[in-house]
Amino acid sequence: MTDNEKFKNDLSLLGVMPGDTVLVHSSMKALQTDCTPEEIIQDIEEVLGEDGTLLMPALTYDNVTSEHPVFDSARTEPCIGLLPKVFMHTDGVERSVNPTHSVCARGRLAHTLTVGHFMDDTAVGPHSPFMLLPLYRGKLLFIGDILDSCTFMHGVEDIVKPPYIRQVRSSFTVNGENREYTLNDDYGWGSEFQRIEYILEAPDIRKGKLLSANAYLIDTRALLSAALSKMRAEPYSFVTDISAYI
């Protein structure tokens, strides 16, 4: 069995199914394979089938900043991960419009999930692909031990508005248009999003292997419900002990 065949088999064993809508956070290095990023993307899409939708974060928070506040959805490269950088330039991919937290997608629901993001004046607002996933029975796939990179959780923070969030207004040029956004100061400060593993149970979270990488598949409806309940009861549930910062 080749790595491509094993990777597709591993995806199926983990619970990725034809017709699924899946947003992938990835560490290509964790796979420890000679497969190219193009092959890995193709393998995922083959498992999802014609009715499925593949999404990947195309975040630009490192290269679209107050010092360089310009975002062009056709040209601004993601600052995270090899797979998103390759996926962005794949034929047929659509990209949501947000200066720091855009998402790329291809498949049946690609346009539906990306078209409204420009309406939000926050990074992970209600029209973002991240927060639309629960409406479409979407899943989060993590390739590698990278649960701490769960951008979806910033959307939960936007809903709950825990006391550690400090918001600032910032101006950006987005696809040639001057716009203002409300962003969290020090986004990701002290985040401990890997703790989501302990608020979910199977089948809402599935753990397994994709080649050499540890992997997680998460139902976003279950995560939204559990994370909202947890954060509303204990606002600091997903951040570092703040005593050192007060």
C-alpha atoms as a PDB file:
ATOM      1  CA  MET A   1       0.000   0.000   0.000  1.00  0.00           C
ATOM      2  CA  THR A   2       1.382   3.391  -0.984  1.00  0.00           C
ATOM      3  CA  ASP A   3       1.363   6.372   1.380  1.00  0.00           C
ATOM      4  CA  ASN A   4      -1.421   7.929  -0.678  1.00  0.00           C
ATOM      5  CA  GLU A   5      -3.550   4.811  -0.343  1.00  0.00           C
ATOM      6  CA  LYS A   6      -2.802   4.504   3.362  1.00  0.00           C
ATOM      7  CA  PHE A   7      -3.548   8.181   3.953  1.00  0.00           C
ATOM      8  CA  LYS A   8      -6.974   7.850   2.322  1.00  0.00           C
ATOM      9  CA  ASN A   9      -7.676   4.668   4.269  1.00  0.00           C
ATOM     10  CA  ASP A  10      -6.646   6.406   7.505  1.00  0.00           C
ATOM     11  CA  LEU A  11      -8.983   9.320   6.745  1.00  0.00           C
ATOM     12  CA  SER A  12     -11.885   6.920   6.326  1.00  0.00           C
ATOM     13  CA  LEU A  13     -11.012   5.078   9.539  1.00  0.00           C
ATOM     14  CA  LEU A  14     -10.926   8.402  11.385  1.00  0.00           C
ATOM     15  CA  GLY A  15     -14.453   9.160  10.214  1.00  0.00           C
ATOM     16  CA  VAL A  16     -14.066  11.416   7.171  1.00  0.00           C
ATOM     17  CA  MET A  17     -16.914  10.467   4.839  1.00  0.00           C
ATOM     18  CA  PRO A  18     -18.064  11.225   1.280  1.00  0.00           C
ATOM     19  CA  GLY A  19     -20.094  14.414   1.259  1.00  0.00           C
ATOM     20  CA  ASP A  20     -18.498  15.812   4.426  1.00  0.00           C
ATOM     21  CA  THR A  21     -17.610  19.464   4.876  1.00  0.00           C
ATOM     22  CA  VAL A  22     -14.185  19.525   6.519  1.00  0.00           C
ATOM     23  CA  LEU A  23     -11.906  22.369   7.570  1.00  0.00           C
ATOM     24  CA  VAL A  24      -8.321  21.156   7.895  1.00  0.00           C
ATOM     25  CA  HIS A  25      -5.649  22.457  10.247  1.00  0.00           C
ATOM     26  CA  SER A  26      -2.432  20.742   9.235  1.00  0.00           C
ATOM     27  CA  SER A  27       1.176  20.020   9.964  1.00  0.00           C
ATOM     28  CA  MET A  28       2.576  18.564   6.769  1.00  0.00           C
ATOM     29  CA  LYS A  29       5.765  17.685   8.628  1.00  0.00           C
ATOM     30  CA  ALA A  30       3.851  15.486  11.074  1.00  0.00           C
ATOM     31  CA  LEU A  31       2.791  13.133   8.267  1.00  0.00           C
ATOM     32  CA  GLN A  32       6.438  12.129   7.641  1.00  0.00           C
ATOM     33  CA  THR A  33       5.772  11.277   4.018  1.00  0.00           C
ATOM     34  CA  ASP A  34       7.226  11.865   0.591  1.00  0.00           C
ATOM     35  CA  CYS A  35       3.747  12.693  -0.708  1.00  0.00           C
ATOM     36  CA  THR A  36       3.545  16.213  -2.081  1.00  0.00           C
ATOM     37  CA  PRO A  37       1.108  18.793  -0.685  1.00  0.00           C
ATOM     38  CA  GLU A  38      -0.783  18.557  -3.969  1.00  0.00           C
ATOM     39  CA  GLU A  39      -1.181  14.807  -3.493  1.00  0.00           C
ATOM     40  CA  ILE A  40      -2.380  15.169   0.110  1.00  0.00           C
ATOM     41  CA  ILE A  41      -4.984  17.730  -0.965  1.00  0.00           C
ATOM     42  CA  GLN A  42      -6.126  15.452  -3.786  1.00  0.00           C
ATOM     43  CA  ASP A  43      -6.317  12.484  -1.404  1.00  0.00           C
ATOM     44  CA  ILE A  44      -8.554  14.396   1.034  1.00  0.00           C
ATOM     45  CA  GLU A  45     -10.828  15.526  -1.785  1.00  0.00           C
ATOM     46  CA  GLU A  46     -11.074  12.001  -3.157  1.00  0.00           C
ATOM     47  CA  VAL A  47     -12.328  10.781   0.214  1.00  0.00           C
ATOM     48  CA  LEU A  48     -14.795  13.692   0.430  1.00  0.00           C
ATOM     49  CA  GLY A  49     -16.072  12.958  -3.063  1.00  0.00           C
ATOM     50  CA  GLU A  50     -17.973  15.214  -5.451  1.00  0.00           C
ATOM     51  CA  ASP A  51     -20.502  16.324  -2.809  1.00  0.00           C
ATOM     52  CA  GLY A  52     -17.873  17.164  -0.202  1.00  0.00           C
ATOM     53  CA  THR A  53     -16.206  20.463   0.605  1.00  0.00           C
ATOM     54  CA  LEU A  54     -12.614  21.027   1.714  1.00  0.00           C
ATOM     55  CA  LEU A  55     -11.657  24.180   3.609  1.00  0.00           C
ATOM     56  CA  MET A  56      -8.319  25.419   4.902  1.00  0.00           C
ATOM     57  CA  PRO A  57      -7.483  28.531   6.926  1.00  0.00           C
ATOM     58  CA  ALA A  58      -5.542  31.089   4.882  1.00  0.00           C
ATOM     59  CA  LEU A  59      -4.612  33.276   7.843  1.00  0.00           C
ATOM     60  CA  THR A  60      -2.524  36.390   7.272  1.00  0.00           C
ATOM     61  CA  TYR A  61      -2.203  37.915  10.742  1.00  0.00           C
ATOM     62  CA  ASP A  62       1.614  37.972  10.475  1.00  0.00           C
ATOM     63  CA  ASN A  63       1.836  39.722   7.106  1.00  0.00           C
ATOM     64  CA  VAL A  64      -1.260  41.950   7.223  1.00  0.00           C
ATOM     65  CA  THR A  65      -0.615  44.221  10.194  1.00  0.00           C
ATOM     66  CA  SER A  66      -0.935  47.819  11.310  1.00  0.00           C
ATOM     67  CA  GLU A  67       2.451  48.425   9.656  1.00  0.00           C
ATOM     68  CA  HIS A  68       1.294  46.767   6.407  1.00  0.00           C
ATOM     69  CA  PRO A  69      -2.531  46.962   6.481  1.00  0.00           C
ATOM     70  CA  VAL A  70      -3.161  45.730   2.936  1.00  0.00           C
ATOM     71  CA  PHE A  71      -4.989  42.501   2.031  1.00  0.00           C
ATOM     72  CA  ASP A  72      -5.630  41.247  -1.499  1.00  0.00           C
ATOM     73  CA  SER A  73      -7.563  37.993  -1.545  1.00  0.00           C
ATOM     74  CA  ALA A  74      -5.995  36.985  -4.870  1.00  0.00           C
ATOM     75  CA  ARG A  75      -2.389  37.722  -3.904  1.00  0.00           C
ATOM     76  CA  THR A  76      -1.796  37.905  -0.149  1.00  0.00           C
ATOM     77  CA  GLU A  77      -0.133  34.658   0.875  1.00  0.00           C
ATOM     78  CA  PRO A  78      -1.170  32.772   4.019  1.00  0.00           C
ATOM     79  CA  CYS A  79       1.336  32.953   6.862  1.00  0.00           C
ATOM     80  CA  ILE A  80       0.576  29.450   8.141  1.00  0.00           C
ATOM     81  CA  GLY A  81       1.364  26.004   6.842  1.00  0.00           C
ATOM     82  CA  LEU A  82       2.440  24.485   3.553  1.00  0.00           C
ATOM     83  CA  LEU A  83      -0.909  22.895   2.677  1.00  0.00           C
ATOM     84  CA  PRO A  84      -2.897  26.182   2.880  1.00  0.00           C
ATOM     85  CA  LYS A  85      -0.305  27.966   0.756  1.00  0.00           C
ATOM     86  CA  VAL A  86      -0.586  25.313  -1.951  1.00  0.00           C
ATOM     87  CA  PHE A  87      -4.373  24.994  -1.645  1.00  0.00           C
ATOM     88  CA  MET A  88      -4.865  28.732  -2.153  1.00  0.00           C
ATOM     89  CA  HIS A  89      -3.400  28.469  -5.658  1.00  0.00           C
ATOM     90  CA  THR A  90      -5.358  25.363  -6.645  1.00  0.00           C
ATOM     91  CA  ASP A  91      -7.834  25.777  -9.508  1.00  0.00           C
ATOM     92  CA  GLY A  92     -11.416  26.324  -8.385  1.00  0.00           C
ATOM     93  CA  VAL A  93     -10.595  27.433  -4.856  1.00  0.00           C
ATOM     94  CA  GLU A  94     -12.619  30.328  -3.409  1.00  0.00           C
ATOM     95  CA  ARG A  95     -11.242  32.541  -0.649  1.00  0.00           C
ATOM     96  CA  SER A  96     -13.254  34.426   1.936  1.00  0.00           C
ATOM     97  CA  VAL A  97     -12.559  38.143   2.366  1.00  0.00           C
ATOM     98  CA  ASN A  98     -11.042  39.066   5.712  1.00  0.00           C
ATOM     99  CA  PRO A  99      -7.699  40.812   6.223  1.00  0.00           C
ATOM    100  CA  THR A 100      -6.347  38.473   8.906  1.00  0.00           C
ATOM    101  CA  HIS A 101      -8.489  35.307   9.049  1.00  0.00           C
ATOM    102  CA  SER A 102      -9.593  34.369   5.533  1.00  0.00           C
ATOM    103  CA  VAL A 103     -10.430  30.790   4.561  1.00  0.00           C
ATOM    104  CA  CYS A 104      -9.986  28.948   1.257  1.00  0.00           C
ATOM    105  CA  ALA A 105     -12.501  26.353   0.094  1.00  0.00           C
ATOM    106  CA  ARG A 106     -13.278  24.084  -2.828  1.00  0.00           C
ATOM    107  CA  GLY A 107     -16.262  21.823  -3.352  1.00  0.00           C
ATOM    108  CA  ARG A 108     -20.040  21.864  -3.222  1.00  0.00           C
ATOM    109  CA  LEU A 109     -20.404  24.413  -0.396  1.00  0.00           C
ATOM    110  CA  ALA A 110     -17.289  26.479  -1.108  1.00  0.00           C
ATOM    111  CA  HIS A 111     -19.129  29.597  -2.266  1.00  0.00           C
ATOM    112  CA  THR A 112     -21.846  29.335   0.377  1.00  0.00           C
ATOM    113  CA  LEU A 113     -19.299  29.172   3.191  1.00  0.00           C
ATOM    114  CA  THR A 114     -16.957  31.909   1.965  1.00  0.00           C
ATOM    115  CA  VAL A 115     -19.145  34.545   0.310  1.00  0.00           C
ATOM    116  CA  GLY A 116     -20.416  36.282   3.451  1.00  0.00           C
ATOM    117  CA  HIS A 117     -17.223  36.666   5.440  1.00  0.00           C
ATOM    118  CA  PHE A 118     -16.687  40.203   4.134  1.00  0.00           C
ATOM    119  CA  MET A 119     -19.802  41.288   6.084  1.00  0.00           C
ATOM    120  CA  ASP A 120     -18.093  40.685   9.430  1.00  0.00           C
ATOM    121  CA  ASP A 121     -16.007  43.428  10.986  1.00  0.00           C
ATOM    122  CA  THR A 122     -14.339  40.877  13.255  1.00  0.00           C
ATOM    123  CA  ALA A 123     -11.904  38.116  12.353  1.00  0.00           C
ATOM    124  CA  VAL A 124     -14.037  35.082  13.200  1.00  0.00           C
ATOM    125  CA  GLY A 125     -17.546  36.511  13.117  1.00  0.00           C
ATOM    126  CA  PRO A 126     -20.936  34.879  12.489  1.00  0.00           C
ATOM    127  CA  HIS A 127     -20.548  35.001   8.679  1.00  0.00           C
ATOM    128  CA  SER A 128     -17.044  33.514   8.687  1.00  0.00           C
ATOM    129  CA  PRO A 129     -16.589  30.011   7.272  1.00  0.00           C
ATOM    130  CA  PHE A 130     -15.468  28.887  10.742  1.00  0.00           C
ATOM    131  CA  MET A 131     -18.744  29.810  12.422  1.00  0.00           C
ATOM    132  CA  LEU A 132     -20.938  28.665   9.532  1.00  0.00           C
ATOM    133  CA  LEU A 133     -19.586  25.126   9.817  1.00  0.00           C
ATOM    134  CA  PRO A 134     -22.049  24.015  12.526  1.00  0.00           C
ATOM    135  CA  LEU A 135     -24.965  25.018  10.286  1.00  0.00           C
ATOM    136  CA  TYR A 136     -23.738  22.600   7.632  1.00  0.00           C
ATOM    137  CA  ARG A 137     -22.729  19.729   9.926  1.00  0.00           C
ATOM    138  CA  GLY A 138     -19.100  20.646   9.316  1.00  0.00           C
ATOM    139  CA  LYS A 139     -16.090  18.980  10.884  1.00  0.00           C
ATOM    140  CA  LEU A 140     -12.625  20.119  11.949  1.00  0.00           C
ATOM    141  CA  LEU A 141      -9.707  17.883  10.998  1.00  0.00           C
ATOM    142  CA  PHE A 142      -6.386  18.354  12.766  1.00  0.00           C
ATOM    143  CA  ILE A 143      -3.343  16.705  11.197  1.00  0.00           C
ATOM    144  CA  GLY A 144      -0.728  16.632  13.944  1.00  0.00           C
ATOM    145  CA  ASP A 145      -0.821  17.603  17.627  1.00  0.00           C
ATOM    146  CA  ILE A 146      -2.095  21.083  16.841  1.00  0.00           C
ATOM    147  CA  LEU A 147      -5.422  21.381  18.662  1.00  0.00           C
ATOM    148  CA  ASP A 148      -4.034  24.605  20.103  1.00  0.00           C
ATOM    149  CA  SER A 149      -4.436  26.144  16.620  1.00  0.00           C
ATOM    150  CA  CYS A 150      -8.239  25.787  16.680  1.00  0.00           C
ATOM    151  CA  THR A 151      -9.263  29.139  15.145  1.00  0.00           C
ATOM    152  CA  PHE A 152     -12.917  28.146  15.568  1.00  0.00           C
ATOM    153  CA  MET A 153     -12.493  28.883  19.276  1.00  0.00           C
ATOM    154  CA  HIS A 154     -11.865  32.565  18.555  1.00  0.00           C
ATOM    155  CA  GLY A 155     -15.405  32.620  17.214  1.00  0.00           C
ATOM    156  CA  VAL A 156     -16.629  31.224  20.523  1.00  0.00           C
ATOM    157  CA  GLU A 157     -14.697  33.980  22.288  1.00  0.00           C
ATOM    158  CA  ASP A 158     -16.414  36.542  20.062  1.00  0.00           C
ATOM    159  CA  ILE A 159     -19.793  35.225  21.220  1.00  0.00           C
ATOM    160  CA  VAL A 160     -19.002  34.974  24.941  1.00  0.00           C
ATOM    161  CA  LYS A 161     -16.694  38.003  25.163  1.00  0.00           C
ATOM    162  CA  PRO A 162     -14.703  36.723  28.163  1.00  0.00           C
ATOM    163  CA  PRO A 163     -13.026  39.405  30.317  1.00  0.00           C
ATOM    164  CA  TYR A 164      -9.498  38.790  29.015  1.00  0.00           C
ATOM    165  CA  ILE A 165     -10.460  39.933  25.491  1.00  0.00           C
ATOM    166  CA  ARG A 166      -9.400  43.499  24.740  1.00  0.00           C
ATOM    167  CA  GLN A 167     -10.690  44.805  21.434  1.00  0.00           C
ATOM    168  CA  VAL A 168      -9.171  47.493  19.228  1.00  0.00           C
ATOM    169  CA  ARG A 169     -10.339  49.162  16.015  1.00  0.00           C
ATOM    170  CA  SER A 170      -7.968  48.795  13.079  1.00  0.00           C
ATOM    171  CA  SER A 171      -8.085  50.110   9.522  1.00  0.00           C
ATOM    172  CA  PHE A 172      -7.181  47.922   6.545  1.00  0.00           C
ATOM    173  CA  THR A 173      -7.228  48.166   2.783  1.00  0.00           C
ATOM    174  CA  VAL A 174      -9.150  45.060   1.734  1.00  0.00           C
ATOM    175  CA  ASN A 175      -9.262  44.304  -1.994  1.00  0.00           C
ATOM    176  CA  GLY A 176      -8.713  48.003  -2.630  1.00  0.00           C
ATOM    177  CA  GLU A 177     -11.418  49.197  -0.225  1.00  0.00           C
ATOM    178  CA  ASN A 178     -10.666  50.996   3.061  1.00  0.00           C
ATOM    179  CA  ARG A 179     -12.429  49.256   5.935  1.00  0.00           C
ATOM    180  CA  GLU A 180     -12.358  49.212   9.728  1.00  0.00           C
ATOM    181  CA  TYR A 181     -12.350  46.033  11.796  1.00  0.00           C
ATOM    182  CA  THR A 182     -12.691  45.256  15.480  1.00  0.00           C
ATOM    183  CA  LEU A 183      -9.876  42.889  16.384  1.00  0.00           C
ATOM    184  CA  ASN A 184      -8.722  41.352  19.607  1.00  0.00           C
ATOM    185  CA  ASP A 185      -5.577  42.914  20.983  1.00  0.00           C
ATOM    186  CA  ASP A 186      -2.896  40.209  21.198  1.00  0.00           C
ATOM    187  CA  TYR A 187      -5.124  37.664  19.422  1.00  0.00           C
ATOM    188  CA  GLY A 188      -4.335  34.219  20.735  1.00  0.00           C
ATOM    189  CA  TRP A 189      -2.910  35.543  23.994  1.00  0.00           C
ATOM    190  CA  GLY A 190      -2.431  32.643  26.390  1.00  0.00           C
ATOM    191  CA  SER A 191      -4.725  30.364  24.402  1.00  0.00           C
ATOM    192  CA  GLU A 192      -4.973  26.762  25.572  1.00  0.00           C
ATOM    193  CA  PHE A 193      -7.361  25.516  22.914  1.00  0.00           C
ATOM    194  CA  GLN A 194      -5.948  22.001  23.126  1.00  0.00           C
ATOM    195  CA  ARG A 195      -8.206  21.680  26.178  1.00  0.00           C
ATOM    196  CA  ILE A 196     -11.140  21.132  23.843  1.00  0.00           C
ATOM    197  CA  GLU A 197     -10.061  17.489  23.820  1.00  0.00           C
ATOM    198  CA  TYR A 198     -11.348  17.186  27.391  1.00  0.00           C
ATOM    199  CA  ILE A 199     -14.808  18.697  26.884  1.00  0.00           C
ATOM    200  CA  LEU A 200     -15.795  16.318  24.082  1.00  0.00           C
ATOM    201  CA  GLU A 201     -16.390  12.587  23.914  1.00  0.00           C
ATOM    202  CA  ALA A 202     -16.643  10.118  21.044  1.00  0.00           C
ATOM    203  CA  PRO A 203     -18.201  10.245  18.517  1.00  0.00           C
ATOM    204  CA  ASP A 204     -18.042  14.063  18.667  1.00  0.00           C
ATOM    205  CA  ILE A 205     -14.259  13.835  18.775  1.00  0.00           C
ATOM    206  CA  ARG A 206     -12.403  11.015  17.056  1.00  0.00           C
ATOM    207  CA  LYS A 207      -8.697  10.370  17.556  1.00  0.00           C
ATOM    208  CA  GLY A 208      -6.454   8.354  15.301  1.00  0.00           C
ATOM    209  CA  LYS A 209      -3.486   8.361  12.972  1.00  0.00           C
ATOM    210  CA  LEU A 210      -2.985   9.788   9.501  1.00  0.00           C
ATOM    211  CA  LEU A 211       0.227   8.106   8.405  1.00  0.00           C
ATOM    212  CA  SER A 212       2.655   9.104  11.208  1.00  0.00           C
ATOM    213  CA  ALA A 213       0.618  12.063  12.422  1.00  0.00           C
ATOM    214  CA  ASN A 214      -1.710  12.072  15.392  1.00  0.00           C
ATOM    215  CA  ALA A 215      -5.079  13.278  14.146  1.00  0.00           C
ATOM    216  CA  TYR A 216      -8.399  14.540  15.479  1.00  0.00           C
ATOM    217  CA  LEU A 217     -11.786  14.860  13.793  1.00  0.00           C
ATOM    218  CA  ILE A 218     -14.288  17.085  15.615  1.00  0.00           C
ATOM    219  CA  ASP A 219     -17.988  17.736  15.066  1.00  0.00           C
ATOM    220  CA  THR A 220     -18.332  21.534  15.106  1.00  0.00           C
ATOM    221  CA  ARG A 221     -21.932  21.481  16.398  1.00  0.00           C
ATOM    222  CA  ALA A 222     -20.823  19.545  19.451  1.00  0.00           C
ATOM    223  CA  LEU A 223     -17.757  21.736  19.934  1.00  0.00           C
ATOM    224  CA  LEU A 224     -19.783  24.940  19.720  1.00  0.00           C
ATOM    225  CA  SER A 225     -22.284  23.711  22.303  1.00  0.00           C
ATOM    226  CA  ALA A 226     -19.680  22.348  24.712  1.00  0.00           C
ATOM    227  CA  ALA A 227     -17.303  25.310  24.406  1.00  0.00           C
ATOM    228  CA  LEU A 228     -20.052  27.890  24.887  1.00  0.00           C
ATOM    229  CA  SER A 229     -21.294  26.106  27.997  1.00  0.00           C
ATOM    230  CA  LYS A 230     -17.790  25.737  29.406  1.00  0.00           C
ATOM    231  CA  MET A 231     -16.682  29.308  28.700  1.00  0.00           C
ATOM    232  CA  ARG A 232     -19.895  30.845  30.002  1.00  0.00           C
ATOM    233  CA  ALA A 233     -19.506  28.914  33.257  1.00  0.00           C
ATOM    234  CA  GLU A 234     -15.737  29.422  33.509  1.00  0.00           C
ATOM    235  CA  PRO A 235     -14.585  32.315  31.266  1.00  0.00           C
ATOM    236  CA  TYR A 236     -10.885  31.441  31.635  1.00  0.00           C
ATOM    237  CA  SER A 237     -11.317  27.776  30.676  1.00  0.00           C
ATOM    238  CA  PHE A 238      -9.237  28.027  27.512  1.00  0.00           C
ATOM    239  CA  VAL A 239      -6.428  30.396  28.502  1.00  0.00           C
ATOM    240  CA  THR A 240      -3.295  30.158  30.584  1.00  0.00           C
ATOM    241  CA  ASP A 241      -3.560  30.886  34.304  1.00  0.00           C
ATOM    242  CA  ILE A 242      -3.874  34.666  34.179  1.00  0.00           C
ATOM    243  CA  SER A 243      -2.494  35.393  37.649  1.00  0.00           C
ATOM    244  CA  ALA A 244       0.888  36.272  36.154  1.00  0.00           C
ATOM    245  CA  TYR A 245      -0.685  38.853  33.872  1.00  0.00           C
ATOM    246  CA  ILE A 246      -2.890  40.746  36.305  1.00  0.00           C
END
